[in-house]
Amino acid sequence: MYLYLQPKEPPPLPEDARKGEAEPPGSPEKKEKNRKRKGKSSVSAEIVEGFSVFGCSESVSSVRNSSSGEADGSNTHSKEVAMAREIERASILRKKHGIHISGYNVPAPLESFEELSSRYGCKSKLLQNLSGLGFKEPTPIQRKAIPVLLSGRECFACAPTGSGKTLVFLFPILMKIKPRTKDGVKAVILCPMRELAAQTTRECKKLAKGRKFYIKLMTKELSRSGDFEKMHCDILVSTPLRLDFALRKRKLNLSRVEYLVLDESDKLFELGFVEQIDSVVKACSNPSIICSLFSATLPDSVEELARSIMHDAVRVIVGRKNSASELIKQKLVFAGSEKGKLLALRQSFAESLNPPVLLFVQSKERAKELYKELAFDDIKADVIHADLTQQQVGREEPVELGRQLRSTLKRINHFYGT
């Protein structure tokens, strides 16, 4: 009889000892299976570790961040493309109308007057008045200079006579200032001549019809006896001498002026109004005032004086600087003497006399002599000079003659300068 005694199993090793125990050598196939099994388990462990049911995992959030970054980049690219197209469109429009600018961050020109409402929130009443006065399409200077002023930038605009510069500064003023605020004068417009100041006042009242603005013309009586402390005025139109007198003698307050306009600035500086203009500029002490200068020509002396009262202004020039209008055909005739001028005029009238015709001469004496010569040739003519009385001119007010002359100028076919 045999007894088979099974050997006792050794007690289990501690966990630390089990980890440190070397694995028994096995076959290469087992090692490969174990290695693949460990690889799968480690990958699955990494995946599970990065996933959370209750919140966004790091991997998911990174994916979302990358997608949002791509969306932001796409939006930025589309904005850049749209901006580039807008710049190109503005450049084409300026080139089409012969507009030249200098300055930074200049707003795009107007394509139509309707953009005053869509881009700048213009009141419908102003647009109705504009349409009622016969304005259909903006002129080149209006296309560019109006957006500059509406953007709060100072402007130095140069364009030929009759190009609509008056509307350029009147319309932004009427859009921006509040009527009847009783805070004093909000806009000052300086003109070199009384007749031009009166004309600007009339045009301003036409544009402001129905808006209840206080629009005043600085007359001789108003400058000498006006009570400016009690007078309500939103827009003041004046010549330099009268406004300077009111500032010195009547204590006119211009500290709240928001817009200062120098119309026909080349004439203002040429006629010796530099001291008066300097006085007005100092009186307009509002730090946020917007200055603008408008001129038909741009001499270097005027441009230098303009820089002294304007800072970082946008310069807008229509056509070529200091050049004649391309819409007018010009001809230069060398006469040699005063008698030669008369012969040249008679020859020109004989070739093509298409009334009405306007003749400019150098002096009153020359005007009288030429009038007699034309009357001798049985040419129906009239003469205007400073020696004529009101009875001779047939008018009661100087402005009335200006109106008649403007209506005639619209039909003028020939200009002559002797």
Protein backbone atom coordinates (compact mmCIF):
# COMPACT_ATOMS: atom_id res chain seq x y z
CA MET A 1 0.00 0.00 0.00
CA TYR A 2 1.34 3.25 -1.03
CA LEU A 3 0.50 6.57 0.39
CA TYR A 4 0.83 9.53 -1.97
CA LEU A 5 1.41 12.65 -0.05
CA GLN A 6 0.79 15.95 -2.03
CA PRO A 7 3.23 18.66 -1.14
CA LYS A 8 1.76 21.72 0.54
CA GLU A 9 1.40 24.80 -1.63
CA PRO A 10 3.62 27.59 -0.50
CA PRO A 11 1.81 30.54 1.03
CA PRO A 12 1.01 33.42 -1.40
CA LEU A 13 3.70 36.06 -1.65
CA PRO A 14 2.98 39.62 -0.62
CA GLU A 15 1.90 42.07 -3.27
CA ASP A 16 5.23 43.91 -3.23
CA ALA A 17 7.16 40.70 -3.56
CA ARG A 18 4.89 39.52 -6.33
CA LYS A 19 5.58 42.69 -8.32
CA GLY A 20 9.29 42.33 -7.90
CA GLU A 21 9.33 38.66 -8.78
CA ALA A 22 10.80 37.97 -12.18
CA GLU A 23 8.51 36.42 -14.73
CA PRO A 24 9.40 32.95 -15.73
CA PRO A 25 10.77 32.65 -19.19
CA GLY A 26 8.19 31.59 -21.70
CA SER A 27 7.81 30.96 -25.37
CA PRO A 28 8.13 33.85 -27.85
CA GLU A 29 4.47 33.40 -28.92
CA LYS A 30 3.26 34.01 -25.34
CA LYS A 31 5.43 37.09 -25.03
CA GLU A 32 4.02 38.51 -28.23
CA LYS A 33 0.42 37.86 -27.12
CA ASN A 34 1.10 39.42 -23.74
CA ARG A 35 2.70 42.45 -25.40
CA LYS A 36 -0.31 42.94 -27.72
CA ARG A 37 -2.73 42.48 -24.81
CA LYS A 38 -0.87 45.11 -22.77
CA GLY A 39 -0.84 47.48 -25.70
CA LYS A 40 -4.60 47.19 -26.17
CA SER A 41 -5.29 47.64 -22.49
CA SER A 42 -3.03 50.72 -22.29
CA VAL A 43 -4.71 52.30 -25.34
CA SER A 44 -8.17 51.58 -23.96
CA ALA A 45 -7.09 52.97 -20.63
CA GLU A 46 -5.89 56.18 -22.26
CA ILE A 47 -9.13 56.53 -24.17
CA VAL A 48 -11.34 55.91 -21.16
CA GLU A 49 -9.26 58.20 -19.03
CA GLY A 50 -9.79 61.06 -21.45
CA PHE A 51 -13.57 60.65 -21.60
CA SER A 52 -16.14 61.90 -19.16
CA VAL A 53 -19.86 61.30 -19.35
CA PHE A 54 -20.77 64.28 -17.20
CA GLY A 55 -18.63 66.93 -18.88
CA CYS A 56 -16.71 67.78 -22.02
CA SER A 57 -13.48 65.89 -22.16
CA GLU A 58 -10.20 67.57 -23.04
CA SER A 59 -10.18 65.97 -26.47
CA VAL A 60 -13.74 67.09 -27.27
CA SER A 61 -13.11 70.63 -26.06
CA SER A 62 -9.94 70.83 -28.12
CA VAL A 63 -11.89 69.75 -31.20
CA ARG A 64 -14.50 72.40 -30.52
CA ASN A 65 -11.85 75.04 -29.96
CA SER A 66 -10.21 74.17 -33.24
CA SER A 67 -13.55 74.33 -35.07
CA SER A 68 -14.41 77.69 -33.50
CA GLY A 69 -10.95 78.97 -34.41
CA GLU A 70 -11.56 77.93 -38.00
CA ALA A 71 -14.92 79.74 -37.95
CA ASP A 72 -13.31 82.92 -36.58
CA GLY A 73 -10.64 82.71 -39.21
CA SER A 74 -13.29 82.27 -41.91
CA ASN A 75 -15.23 85.31 -40.62
CA THR A 76 -12.07 87.39 -40.52
CA HIS A 77 -11.21 86.39 -44.07
CA SER A 78 -14.69 87.25 -45.33
CA LYS A 79 -14.50 90.66 -43.63
CA GLU A 80 -11.13 91.31 -45.23
CA VAL A 81 -12.51 90.37 -48.64
CA ALA A 82 -15.54 92.63 -48.17
CA MET A 83 -13.31 95.49 -47.04
CA ALA A 84 -11.01 95.03 -50.03
CA ARG A 85 -14.00 95.13 -52.38
CA GLU A 86 -15.29 98.30 -50.69
CA ILE A 87 -11.90 99.99 -51.07
CA GLU A 88 -11.72 98.98 -54.72
CA ARG A 89 -15.27 100.25 -55.37
CA ALA A 90 -14.44 103.60 -53.75
CA SER A 91 -11.23 103.89 -55.77
CA ILE A 92 -13.07 103.23 -59.03
CA LEU A 93 -15.72 105.82 -58.16
CA ARG A 94 -13.10 108.47 -57.32
CA LYS A 95 -11.22 107.80 -60.54
CA LYS A 96 -14.42 107.99 -62.57
CA HIS A 97 -15.24 111.46 -61.24
CA GLY A 98 -11.70 112.83 -61.11
CA ILE A 99 -11.54 113.02 -57.30
CA HIS A 100 -8.13 113.19 -55.63
CA ILE A 101 -7.75 112.83 -51.87
CA SER A 102 -5.03 112.96 -49.26
CA GLY A 103 -5.41 111.84 -45.66
CA TYR A 104 -5.84 108.65 -43.67
CA ASN A 105 -8.98 106.62 -43.00
CA VAL A 106 -11.01 108.58 -45.54
CA PRO A 107 -14.67 107.47 -45.84
CA ALA A 108 -15.98 106.10 -49.11
CA PRO A 109 -17.70 108.52 -51.53
CA LEU A 110 -21.45 108.66 -52.02
CA GLU A 111 -22.94 106.76 -54.91
CA SER A 112 -26.29 108.54 -54.50
CA PHE A 113 -28.06 110.91 -52.10
CA GLU A 114 -30.05 107.95 -50.75
CA GLU A 115 -26.88 106.80 -48.96
CA LEU A 116 -27.20 109.83 -46.68
CA SER A 117 -30.11 108.01 -45.07
CA SER A 118 -28.73 104.46 -45.11
CA ARG A 119 -25.17 105.34 -44.02
CA TYR A 120 -25.65 108.43 -41.86
CA GLY A 121 -29.30 108.38 -40.78
CA CYS A 122 -30.35 111.57 -42.56
CA LYS A 123 -33.87 112.79 -41.78
CA SER A 124 -36.40 112.26 -44.55
CA LYS A 125 -37.41 115.94 -44.44
CA LEU A 126 -33.92 117.06 -45.45
CA LEU A 127 -33.86 114.60 -48.34
CA GLN A 128 -37.28 115.84 -49.46
CA ASN A 129 -36.02 119.43 -49.44
CA LEU A 130 -32.96 118.34 -51.39
CA SER A 131 -35.07 116.63 -54.02
CA GLY A 132 -37.46 119.58 -54.16
CA LEU A 133 -34.58 121.91 -55.00
CA GLY A 134 -33.71 119.78 -58.02
CA PHE A 135 -30.74 117.83 -56.70
CA LYS A 136 -30.85 114.38 -58.29
CA GLU A 137 -27.28 113.10 -58.33
CA PRO A 138 -24.35 114.36 -56.23
CA THR A 139 -21.56 116.24 -57.98
CA PRO A 140 -17.99 114.93 -57.59
CA ILE A 141 -17.16 117.30 -54.72
CA GLN A 142 -20.44 116.43 -52.99
CA ARG A 143 -19.80 112.70 -53.34
CA LYS A 144 -16.55 112.91 -51.43
CA ALA A 145 -16.60 115.93 -49.14
CA ILE A 146 -20.03 115.34 -47.57
CA PRO A 147 -19.04 111.91 -46.11
CA VAL A 148 -15.81 113.46 -44.80
CA LEU A 149 -17.68 116.11 -42.80
CA LEU A 150 -20.36 113.65 -41.65
CA SER A 151 -17.58 111.43 -40.32
CA GLY A 152 -16.39 114.24 -38.06
CA ARG A 153 -13.26 115.02 -40.08
CA GLU A 154 -11.99 118.46 -41.06
CA CYS A 155 -11.99 119.08 -44.79
CA PHE A 156 -10.15 121.25 -47.29
CA ALA A 157 -12.07 121.02 -50.58
CA CYS A 158 -11.08 122.48 -53.93
CA ALA A 159 -13.47 122.31 -56.89
CA PRO A 160 -14.43 124.56 -59.83
CA THR A 161 -17.00 127.32 -59.46
CA GLY A 162 -20.54 126.02 -59.81
CA SER A 163 -19.71 122.49 -58.66
CA GLY A 164 -22.03 122.58 -55.63
CA LYS A 165 -19.61 123.37 -52.80
CA THR A 166 -22.29 125.28 -50.84
CA LEU A 167 -24.38 122.15 -50.41
CA VAL A 168 -21.30 120.26 -49.21
CA PHE A 169 -21.03 122.23 -45.96
CA LEU A 170 -24.70 123.19 -45.47
CA PHE A 171 -26.08 119.66 -45.52
CA PRO A 172 -23.79 118.14 -42.84
CA ILE A 173 -24.44 121.15 -40.59
CA LEU A 174 -28.20 120.73 -40.90
CA MET A 175 -27.85 117.01 -40.24
CA LYS A 176 -25.59 117.24 -37.20
CA ILE A 177 -26.63 120.24 -35.11
CA LYS A 178 -29.85 120.33 -33.11
CA PRO A 179 -32.28 123.15 -33.94
CA ARG A 180 -33.50 125.67 -31.36
CA THR A 181 -31.33 124.44 -28.48
CA LYS A 182 -30.83 127.98 -27.05
CA ASP A 183 -27.18 127.13 -26.38
CA GLY A 184 -25.85 129.84 -28.66
CA VAL A 185 -24.42 129.76 -32.17
CA LYS A 186 -23.61 126.25 -33.39
CA ALA A 187 -22.26 126.95 -36.87
CA VAL A 188 -20.45 129.93 -38.40
CA ILE A 189 -20.05 130.42 -42.17
CA LEU A 190 -17.65 133.10 -43.39
CA CYS A 191 -17.99 134.51 -46.91
CA PRO A 192 -15.77 137.13 -48.58
CA MET A 193 -18.67 139.26 -49.90
CA ARG A 194 -22.02 140.40 -48.56
CA GLU A 195 -23.87 139.18 -51.66
CA LEU A 196 -22.41 135.71 -51.31
CA ALA A 197 -23.31 135.65 -47.60
CA ALA A 198 -26.90 136.61 -48.45
CA GLN A 199 -27.08 133.92 -51.13
CA THR A 200 -25.71 131.27 -48.74
CA THR A 201 -28.31 132.28 -46.13
CA ARG A 202 -31.15 131.88 -48.63
CA GLU A 203 -29.92 128.46 -49.74
CA CYS A 204 -29.55 127.34 -46.13
CA LYS A 205 -33.14 128.35 -45.34
CA LYS A 206 -34.39 126.45 -48.37
CA LEU A 207 -32.62 123.27 -47.29
CA ALA A 208 -33.77 123.67 -43.67
CA LYS A 209 -37.43 124.24 -44.58
CA GLY A 210 -39.66 122.55 -42.01
CA ARG A 211 -36.83 121.95 -39.49
CA LYS A 212 -37.21 125.21 -37.46
CA PHE A 213 -33.57 126.30 -37.45
CA TYR A 214 -32.58 129.79 -36.37
CA ILE A 215 -30.56 131.00 -39.38
CA LYS A 216 -29.19 134.54 -39.24
CA LEU A 217 -27.36 136.78 -41.71
CA MET A 218 -24.97 139.22 -40.05
CA THR A 219 -26.14 142.52 -41.47
CA LYS A 220 -24.62 145.91 -40.76
CA GLU A 221 -27.44 146.79 -38.35
CA LEU A 222 -27.20 143.46 -36.53
CA SER A 223 -23.43 143.75 -36.05
CA ARG A 224 -23.77 147.26 -34.59
CA SER A 225 -26.91 147.03 -32.48
CA GLY A 226 -27.77 143.36 -32.07
CA ASP A 227 -28.42 141.94 -28.60
CA PHE A 228 -26.60 138.66 -29.04
CA GLU A 229 -27.21 137.52 -25.46
CA LYS A 230 -30.95 137.33 -26.10
CA MET A 231 -30.81 136.46 -29.80
CA HIS A 232 -31.51 132.83 -30.72
CA CYS A 233 -29.22 131.66 -33.51
CA ASP A 234 -28.18 128.19 -34.66
CA ILE A 235 -26.38 129.09 -37.90
CA LEU A 236 -24.69 132.46 -38.45
CA VAL A 237 -23.55 133.61 -41.92
CA SER A 238 -21.32 136.66 -42.13
CA THR A 239 -18.41 138.46 -43.73
CA PRO A 240 -15.17 138.64 -41.70
CA LEU A 241 -15.30 142.36 -40.97
CA ARG A 242 -18.84 142.37 -39.60
CA LEU A 243 -18.30 139.28 -37.49
CA ASP A 244 -15.06 140.64 -36.09
CA PHE A 245 -16.81 143.91 -35.19
CA ALA A 246 -19.57 142.00 -33.37
CA LEU A 247 -16.96 140.03 -31.44
CA ARG A 248 -15.10 143.14 -30.31
CA LYS A 249 -17.96 145.58 -29.72
CA ARG A 250 -21.07 143.49 -29.03
CA LYS A 251 -19.47 140.59 -27.12
CA LEU A 252 -20.77 137.87 -29.39
CA ASN A 253 -20.14 134.44 -27.84
CA LEU A 254 -18.85 131.75 -30.22
CA SER A 255 -17.48 129.34 -27.63
CA ARG A 256 -20.03 126.63 -28.49
CA VAL A 257 -19.59 126.67 -32.25
CA GLU A 258 -19.36 123.13 -33.61
CA TYR A 259 -18.77 123.95 -37.31
CA LEU A 260 -16.64 126.74 -38.78
CA VAL A 261 -16.74 127.12 -42.57
CA LEU A 262 -14.56 129.39 -44.70
CA ASP A 263 -16.28 129.62 -48.08
CA GLU A 264 -14.22 130.91 -51.02
CA SER A 265 -11.21 130.72 -48.72
CA ASP A 266 -8.80 131.78 -51.46
CA LYS A 267 -10.64 135.10 -51.73
CA LEU A 268 -10.85 135.46 -47.95
CA PHE A 269 -7.09 135.26 -47.61
CA GLU A 270 -6.31 137.23 -50.77
CA LEU A 271 -8.52 140.17 -49.75
CA GLY A 272 -6.58 140.70 -46.55
CA PHE A 273 -8.95 139.21 -43.98
CA VAL A 274 -6.25 137.18 -42.23
CA GLU A 275 -6.46 139.17 -38.97
CA GLN A 276 -10.25 139.00 -38.84
CA ILE A 277 -10.25 135.27 -39.59
CA ASP A 278 -7.68 134.73 -36.86
CA SER A 279 -9.94 136.60 -34.43
CA VAL A 280 -12.92 134.43 -35.37
CA VAL A 281 -10.90 131.22 -35.05
CA LYS A 282 -9.76 132.21 -31.55
CA ALA A 283 -13.34 133.05 -30.55
CA CYS A 284 -14.51 129.60 -31.66
CA SER A 285 -12.85 127.93 -28.68
CA ASN A 286 -14.80 124.66 -28.68
CA PRO A 287 -12.10 121.92 -28.63
CA SER A 288 -14.25 119.60 -30.76
CA ILE A 289 -14.95 122.16 -33.49
CA ILE A 290 -14.80 120.98 -37.10
CA CYS A 291 -13.20 123.45 -39.53
CA SER A 292 -13.65 123.25 -43.27
CA LEU A 293 -12.33 125.37 -46.14
CA PHE A 294 -13.79 125.53 -49.64
CA SER A 295 -12.17 127.13 -52.64
CA ALA A 296 -12.17 127.17 -56.43
CA THR A 297 -8.37 127.48 -56.55
CA LEU A 298 -5.65 126.28 -54.22
CA PRO A 299 -2.59 128.57 -54.16
CA ASP A 300 0.30 127.42 -52.02
CA SER A 301 -0.06 130.48 -49.76
CA VAL A 302 -3.70 129.65 -49.04
CA GLU A 303 -2.88 126.01 -48.36
CA GLU A 304 -0.18 127.04 -45.91
CA LEU A 305 -2.56 129.36 -44.03
CA ALA A 306 -5.19 126.62 -43.99
CA ARG A 307 -2.81 124.25 -42.24
CA SER A 308 -2.38 126.79 -39.44
CA ILE A 309 -6.06 126.57 -38.48
CA MET A 310 -6.75 122.93 -39.36
CA HIS A 311 -5.28 119.74 -37.97
CA ASP A 312 -5.15 116.42 -39.77
CA ALA A 313 -7.67 117.54 -42.40
CA VAL A 314 -8.70 115.53 -45.45
CA ARG A 315 -7.86 117.31 -48.68
CA VAL A 316 -10.30 116.75 -51.56
CA ILE A 317 -9.51 118.08 -55.04
CA VAL A 318 -11.77 117.63 -58.05
CA GLY A 319 -9.86 117.67 -61.32
CA ARG A 320 -6.33 118.99 -61.42
CA LYS A 321 -5.07 121.50 -58.88
CA ASN A 322 -5.46 125.13 -60.01
CA SER A 323 -6.62 124.06 -63.46
CA ALA A 324 -9.55 125.34 -65.51
CA SER A 325 -12.80 123.43 -65.81
CA GLU A 326 -12.76 120.81 -68.55
CA LEU A 327 -16.41 121.61 -69.33
CA ILE A 328 -15.47 125.02 -70.74
CA LYS A 329 -13.75 125.45 -74.09
CA GLN A 330 -11.07 128.13 -73.84
CA LYS A 331 -9.22 130.15 -76.44
CA LEU A 332 -6.39 132.66 -76.04
CA VAL A 333 -6.13 135.49 -78.60
CA PHE A 334 -3.09 137.80 -78.71
CA ALA A 335 -4.34 141.31 -79.57
CA GLY A 336 -1.23 143.42 -78.98
CA SER A 337 -3.05 146.61 -77.94
CA GLU A 338 -6.37 148.04 -76.77
CA LYS A 339 -7.40 148.71 -80.37
CA GLY A 340 -6.44 145.15 -81.22
CA LYS A 341 -8.75 143.85 -78.47
CA LEU A 342 -11.68 145.73 -79.94
CA LEU A 343 -10.92 144.39 -83.43
CA ALA A 344 -10.67 140.85 -82.06
CA LEU A 345 -14.03 141.22 -80.31
CA ARG A 346 -15.71 142.51 -83.44
CA GLN A 347 -14.24 139.65 -85.49
CA SER A 348 -15.38 137.11 -82.91
CA PHE A 349 -18.90 138.57 -82.85
CA ALA A 350 -19.01 138.52 -86.64
CA GLU A 351 -18.02 134.83 -86.75
CA SER A 352 -20.37 133.53 -84.05
CA LEU A 353 -22.38 135.87 -81.89
CA ASN A 354 -24.62 133.63 -79.78
CA PRO A 355 -26.16 135.71 -76.97
CA PRO A 356 -26.13 136.03 -74.06
CA VAL A 357 -22.46 137.05 -73.76
CA LEU A 358 -20.62 138.29 -70.67
CA LEU A 359 -17.59 140.61 -70.97
CA PHE A 360 -15.14 141.28 -68.13
CA VAL A 361 -12.88 144.31 -68.24
CA GLN A 362 -10.17 145.72 -66.02
CA SER A 363 -11.72 149.00 -64.87
CA LYS A 364 -14.87 151.13 -64.81
CA GLU A 365 -13.43 153.44 -67.46
CA ARG A 366 -12.77 150.52 -69.78
CA ALA A 367 -16.32 149.24 -69.21
CA LYS A 368 -17.79 152.63 -70.22
CA GLU A 369 -15.64 152.87 -73.35
CA LEU A 370 -16.41 149.33 -74.51
CA TYR A 371 -20.13 149.88 -73.92
CA LYS A 372 -20.08 152.92 -76.25
CA GLU A 373 -18.16 151.02 -78.93
CA LEU A 374 -20.62 148.13 -78.89
CA ALA A 375 -23.57 150.50 -78.98
CA PHE A 376 -21.98 152.19 -82.04
CA ASP A 377 -21.89 148.78 -83.77
CA ASP A 378 -25.65 148.36 -83.13
CA ILE A 379 -25.04 145.53 -80.64
CA LYS A 380 -27.60 145.41 -77.84
CA ALA A 381 -25.55 145.66 -74.67
CA ASP A 382 -25.75 146.87 -71.10
CA VAL A 383 -23.08 147.83 -68.59
CA ILE A 384 -22.65 147.34 -64.83
CA HIS A 385 -20.09 149.20 -62.74
CA ALA A 386 -19.83 150.87 -59.35
CA ASP A 387 -20.58 154.41 -60.60
CA LEU A 388 -24.15 153.53 -61.52
CA THR A 389 -26.93 154.71 -59.23
CA GLN A 390 -29.82 152.52 -58.15
CA GLN A 391 -32.11 154.37 -60.57
CA GLN A 392 -29.73 153.69 -63.47
CA VAL A 393 -29.49 150.02 -62.60
CA GLY A 394 -33.26 149.86 -62.13
CA ARG A 395 -33.25 148.05 -58.80
CA GLU A 396 -34.00 148.70 -55.17
CA GLU A 397 -31.80 146.08 -53.57
CA PRO A 398 -28.30 144.93 -54.54
CA VAL A 399 -29.41 141.35 -54.05
CA GLU A 400 -32.04 141.69 -56.77
CA LEU A 401 -29.39 142.49 -59.36
CA GLY A 402 -27.48 139.44 -58.20
CA ARG A 403 -30.53 137.26 -58.77
CA GLN A 404 -31.05 138.64 -62.27
CA LEU A 405 -27.37 138.18 -63.05
CA ARG A 406 -27.39 134.57 -61.79
CA SER A 407 -30.38 133.73 -63.97
CA THR A 408 -28.51 135.23 -66.93
CA LEU A 409 -25.30 133.38 -66.10
CA LYS A 410 -27.11 130.06 -66.37
CA ARG A 411 -27.70 130.86 -70.06
CA ILE A 412 -24.30 132.40 -70.84
CA ASN A 413 -22.72 130.94 -73.96
CA HIS A 414 -19.52 133.05 -74.13
CA PHE A 415 -17.23 134.73 -71.61
CA TYR A 416 -14.75 137.37 -72.72
CA GLY A 417 -11.97 138.88 -70.64
CA THR A 418 -10.11 141.91 -71.91
